[in-house]
Every structure is written in C-alpha cells, then in structure tokens.
C-alpha cells in the first residue's frame, strides 16, 4: 500500500483498470474479489484526490479592468 501512495495518477489509473478488468472477468475467488474491490476503491479515492489537487492548481486567464490578462485561481465556474 505504501507504493500506492507514491504512485502517479497514470500508474494508479492503470492499476485501477487492471483491477476492474479482473473483477469483470469473474474468475477470481470471492475473497480475492473483495480484496481487489477494496484496492479499487482506494485507487478511486487516490485518483479523485489527485484530480482535485490538479484542478486547484489550474489558472484561468481573464481580462482585467485594463484589458490585460489577469491570472485567477480556477473555480470551475464560467463568467
């Protein structure tokens, strides 16, 4: 699990896709399925957190009162 915390978004997403594929295939035991499901939900939380953090770092350009571009934090709303 410690290596999961260090994994990039792309690595986490790839592992999540592997977990989903294995669960959809349906050829793992119930116990293994439950373990994989728990791993998958942890990966989803991790990816979601990373996406939320990335969204907060995005800056959006907007014209200021003098017509020059002004950097504002991304808030997800359109003016």
N, C-alpha and C. Protein backbone atom coordinates (compact mmCIF):
# COMPACT_ATOMS: atom_id res chain seq x y z
N UNK A 1 0.82 -1.19 0.00
CA UNK A 1 0.00 0.00 0.00
C UNK A 1 0.86 1.26 0.00
N UNK A 2 2.05 1.21 0.60
CA UNK A 2 2.92 2.38 0.63
C UNK A 2 3.33 2.78 -0.77
N UNK A 3 3.58 1.81 -1.63
CA UNK A 3 3.95 2.13 -3.00
C UNK A 3 2.78 2.76 -3.74
N UNK A 4 1.55 2.43 -3.37
CA UNK A 4 0.37 3.03 -3.99
C UNK A 4 0.32 4.52 -3.69
N UNK A 5 0.72 4.93 -2.48
CA UNK A 5 0.69 6.32 -2.10
C UNK A 5 1.70 7.13 -2.90
N UNK A 6 2.75 6.50 -3.38
CA UNK A 6 3.78 7.17 -4.14
C UNK A 6 3.50 7.15 -5.65
N UNK A 7 2.54 6.36 -6.06
CA UNK A 7 2.27 6.18 -7.48
C UNK A 7 1.67 7.44 -8.10
N UNK A 8 2.01 7.65 -9.36
CA UNK A 8 1.46 8.78 -10.09
C UNK A 8 0.00 8.50 -10.45
N UNK A 9 -0.65 9.53 -10.93
CA UNK A 9 -2.04 9.37 -11.36
C UNK A 9 -2.15 8.30 -12.44
N UNK A 10 -1.24 8.36 -13.42
CA UNK A 10 -1.29 7.42 -14.54
C UNK A 10 -1.08 5.98 -14.07
N UNK A 11 -0.15 5.78 -13.14
CA UNK A 11 0.10 4.43 -12.61
C UNK A 11 -1.11 3.95 -11.82
N UNK A 12 -1.68 4.82 -11.01
CA UNK A 12 -2.86 4.46 -10.22
C UNK A 12 -4.04 4.13 -11.12
N UNK A 13 -4.25 4.92 -12.15
CA UNK A 13 -5.35 4.69 -13.07
C UNK A 13 -5.17 3.37 -13.83
N UNK A 14 -3.94 3.09 -14.25
CA UNK A 14 -3.67 1.84 -14.96
C UNK A 14 -3.96 0.64 -14.05
N UNK A 15 -3.54 0.72 -12.80
CA UNK A 15 -3.81 -0.37 -11.86
C UNK A 15 -5.31 -0.51 -11.62
N UNK A 16 -6.01 0.60 -11.52
CA UNK A 16 -7.46 0.56 -11.34
C UNK A 16 -8.12 -0.15 -12.52
N UNK A 17 -7.67 0.15 -13.73
CA UNK A 17 -8.21 -0.51 -14.92
C UNK A 17 -7.95 -2.01 -14.87
N UNK A 18 -6.78 -2.41 -14.39
CA UNK A 18 -6.45 -3.83 -14.26
C UNK A 18 -7.38 -4.51 -13.25
N UNK A 19 -7.62 -3.84 -12.13
CA UNK A 19 -8.50 -4.39 -11.09
C UNK A 19 -9.91 -4.56 -11.64
N UNK A 20 -10.41 -3.54 -12.31
CA UNK A 20 -11.76 -3.60 -12.88
C UNK A 20 -11.87 -4.74 -13.90
N UNK A 21 -10.87 -4.87 -14.76
CA UNK A 21 -10.88 -5.93 -15.77
C UNK A 21 -10.90 -7.31 -15.12
N UNK A 22 -10.11 -7.49 -14.08
CA UNK A 22 -10.06 -8.78 -13.39
C UNK A 22 -11.40 -9.08 -12.72
N UNK A 23 -12.00 -8.08 -12.10
CA UNK A 23 -13.29 -8.28 -11.45
C UNK A 23 -14.39 -8.56 -12.48
N UNK A 24 -14.35 -7.86 -13.61
CA UNK A 24 -15.35 -8.10 -14.65
C UNK A 24 -15.21 -9.48 -15.27
N UNK A 25 -13.99 -9.96 -15.35
CA UNK A 25 -13.75 -11.28 -15.92
C UNK A 25 -14.41 -12.36 -15.05
N UNK A 26 -14.39 -12.16 -13.75
CA UNK A 26 -15.12 -13.02 -12.84
C UNK A 26 -14.48 -14.35 -12.51
N UNK A 27 -13.19 -14.51 -12.77
CA UNK A 27 -12.57 -15.81 -12.50
C UNK A 27 -11.67 -15.79 -11.26
N UNK A 28 -11.95 -14.88 -10.32
CA UNK A 28 -11.20 -14.84 -9.06
C UNK A 28 -12.14 -15.25 -7.93
N UNK A 29 -11.56 -15.74 -6.86
CA UNK A 29 -12.37 -16.19 -5.72
C UNK A 29 -13.07 -15.01 -5.06
N UNK A 30 -14.07 -15.31 -4.26
CA UNK A 30 -14.81 -14.26 -3.56
C UNK A 30 -13.86 -13.47 -2.66
N UNK A 31 -13.00 -14.16 -1.93
CA UNK A 31 -12.07 -13.49 -1.04
C UNK A 31 -11.14 -12.56 -1.82
N UNK A 32 -10.60 -13.05 -2.93
CA UNK A 32 -9.72 -12.23 -3.77
C UNK A 32 -10.50 -11.07 -4.39
N UNK A 33 -11.74 -11.32 -4.76
CA UNK A 33 -12.59 -10.25 -5.31
C UNK A 33 -12.79 -9.14 -4.29
N UNK A 34 -13.02 -9.50 -3.05
CA UNK A 34 -13.22 -8.49 -2.00
C UNK A 34 -11.94 -7.68 -1.78
N UNK A 35 -10.80 -8.36 -1.79
CA UNK A 35 -9.52 -7.67 -1.63
C UNK A 35 -9.29 -6.71 -2.80
N UNK A 36 -9.58 -7.17 -4.00
CA UNK A 36 -9.40 -6.33 -5.18
C UNK A 36 -10.37 -5.16 -5.17
N UNK A 37 -11.60 -5.40 -4.71
CA UNK A 37 -12.59 -4.33 -4.63
C UNK A 37 -12.11 -3.24 -3.68
N UNK A 38 -11.57 -3.65 -2.52
CA UNK A 38 -11.03 -2.68 -1.56
C UNK A 38 -9.88 -1.89 -2.18
N UNK A 39 -9.00 -2.58 -2.90
CA UNK A 39 -7.89 -1.89 -3.57
C UNK A 39 -8.44 -0.89 -4.59
N UNK A 40 -9.44 -1.31 -5.34
CA UNK A 40 -10.04 -0.45 -6.35
C UNK A 40 -10.65 0.80 -5.76
N UNK A 41 -11.36 0.66 -4.64
CA UNK A 41 -11.97 1.84 -4.03
C UNK A 41 -10.89 2.79 -3.49
N UNK A 42 -9.79 2.24 -2.97
CA UNK A 42 -8.68 3.09 -2.52
C UNK A 42 -8.05 3.82 -3.71
N UNK A 43 -7.91 3.13 -4.83
CA UNK A 43 -7.36 3.75 -6.03
C UNK A 43 -8.26 4.86 -6.55
N UNK A 44 -9.56 4.63 -6.50
CA UNK A 44 -10.52 5.66 -6.93
C UNK A 44 -10.38 6.90 -6.06
N UNK A 45 -10.29 6.71 -4.75
CA UNK A 45 -10.12 7.86 -3.84
C UNK A 45 -8.83 8.59 -4.15
N UNK A 46 -7.75 7.84 -4.38
CA UNK A 46 -6.45 8.45 -4.66
C UNK A 46 -6.51 9.26 -5.96
N UNK A 47 -7.06 8.67 -7.01
CA UNK A 47 -7.16 9.38 -8.30
C UNK A 47 -8.03 10.62 -8.17
N UNK A 48 -9.12 10.49 -7.45
CA UNK A 48 -10.02 11.63 -7.26
C UNK A 48 -9.32 12.76 -6.51
N UNK A 49 -8.56 12.42 -5.49
CA UNK A 49 -7.81 13.42 -4.74
C UNK A 49 -6.79 14.12 -5.62
N UNK A 50 -6.08 13.33 -6.43
CA UNK A 50 -5.08 13.92 -7.32
C UNK A 50 -5.73 14.84 -8.35
N UNK A 51 -6.90 14.45 -8.87
CA UNK A 51 -7.61 15.31 -9.83
C UNK A 51 -8.07 16.60 -9.16
N UNK A 52 -8.57 16.50 -7.93
CA UNK A 52 -9.00 17.69 -7.20
C UNK A 52 -7.83 18.64 -6.97
N UNK A 53 -6.67 18.09 -6.62
CA UNK A 53 -5.49 18.92 -6.40
C UNK A 53 -5.05 19.58 -7.70
N UNK A 54 -5.08 18.84 -8.79
CA UNK A 54 -4.69 19.40 -10.08
C UNK A 54 -5.64 20.52 -10.49
N UNK A 55 -6.92 20.32 -10.25
CA UNK A 55 -7.91 21.34 -10.60
C UNK A 55 -7.64 22.64 -9.85
N UNK A 56 -7.24 22.53 -8.60
CA UNK A 56 -6.96 23.72 -7.80
C UNK A 56 -5.73 24.47 -8.30
N UNK A 57 -4.83 23.78 -9.00
CA UNK A 57 -3.62 24.41 -9.49
C UNK A 57 -3.80 25.08 -10.86
N UNK A 58 -4.88 24.73 -11.51
CA UNK A 58 -5.12 25.31 -12.84
C UNK A 58 -5.46 26.78 -12.70
N UNK A 59 -4.83 27.58 -13.53
CA UNK A 59 -5.16 29.01 -13.53
C UNK A 59 -5.92 29.34 -14.80
N UNK A 60 -6.84 30.24 -14.66
CA UNK A 60 -7.62 30.64 -15.81
C UNK A 60 -7.31 32.10 -16.10
N UNK A 61 -7.15 32.38 -17.36
CA UNK A 61 -6.87 33.76 -17.76
C UNK A 61 -8.17 34.51 -17.99
N UNK A 62 -8.19 35.71 -17.50
CA UNK A 62 -9.38 36.54 -17.65
C UNK A 62 -8.92 37.98 -17.86
N UNK A 63 -9.61 38.70 -18.69
CA UNK A 63 -9.26 40.10 -18.91
C UNK A 63 -9.56 40.91 -17.66
N UNK A 64 -8.57 41.70 -17.26
CA UNK A 64 -8.75 42.60 -16.12
C UNK A 64 -9.45 43.87 -16.56
N UNK A 65 -9.61 44.77 -15.67
CA UNK A 65 -10.30 46.03 -15.98
C UNK A 65 -9.55 46.86 -17.01
N UNK A 66 -8.22 46.67 -17.09
CA UNK A 66 -7.43 47.42 -18.08
C UNK A 66 -7.29 46.67 -19.41
N UNK A 67 -7.95 45.52 -19.53
CA UNK A 67 -7.90 44.73 -20.76
C UNK A 67 -6.75 43.75 -20.82
N UNK A 68 -5.82 43.83 -19.88
CA UNK A 68 -4.70 42.90 -19.84
C UNK A 68 -5.13 41.59 -19.18
N UNK A 69 -4.54 40.47 -19.61
CA UNK A 69 -4.88 39.20 -18.96
C UNK A 69 -4.54 39.23 -17.47
N UNK A 70 -5.37 38.60 -16.71
CA UNK A 70 -5.19 38.53 -15.27
C UNK A 70 -5.30 37.07 -14.86
N UNK A 71 -4.38 36.58 -14.05
CA UNK A 71 -4.44 35.19 -13.61
C UNK A 71 -5.32 35.09 -12.38
N UNK A 72 -6.28 34.19 -12.44
CA UNK A 72 -7.18 33.94 -11.32
C UNK A 72 -7.20 32.44 -11.05
N UNK A 73 -7.37 32.07 -9.78
CA UNK A 73 -7.48 30.63 -9.48
C UNK A 73 -8.69 30.04 -10.19
N UNK A 74 -8.56 28.81 -10.66
CA UNK A 74 -9.65 28.13 -11.34
C UNK A 74 -10.71 27.77 -10.30
N UNK A 75 -11.94 28.18 -10.55
CA UNK A 75 -13.02 27.85 -9.63
C UNK A 75 -14.09 26.97 -10.27
N UNK A 76 -13.90 26.64 -11.53
CA UNK A 76 -14.83 25.76 -12.21
C UNK A 76 -16.06 26.46 -12.76
N UNK A 77 -16.27 27.73 -12.42
CA UNK A 77 -17.45 28.46 -12.88
C UNK A 77 -17.06 29.36 -14.05
N UNK A 78 -17.94 29.45 -14.99
CA UNK A 78 -17.75 30.34 -16.13
C UNK A 78 -18.39 31.67 -15.83
N UNK A 79 -17.75 32.76 -16.20
CA UNK A 79 -18.33 34.09 -16.00
C UNK A 79 -19.17 34.48 -17.17
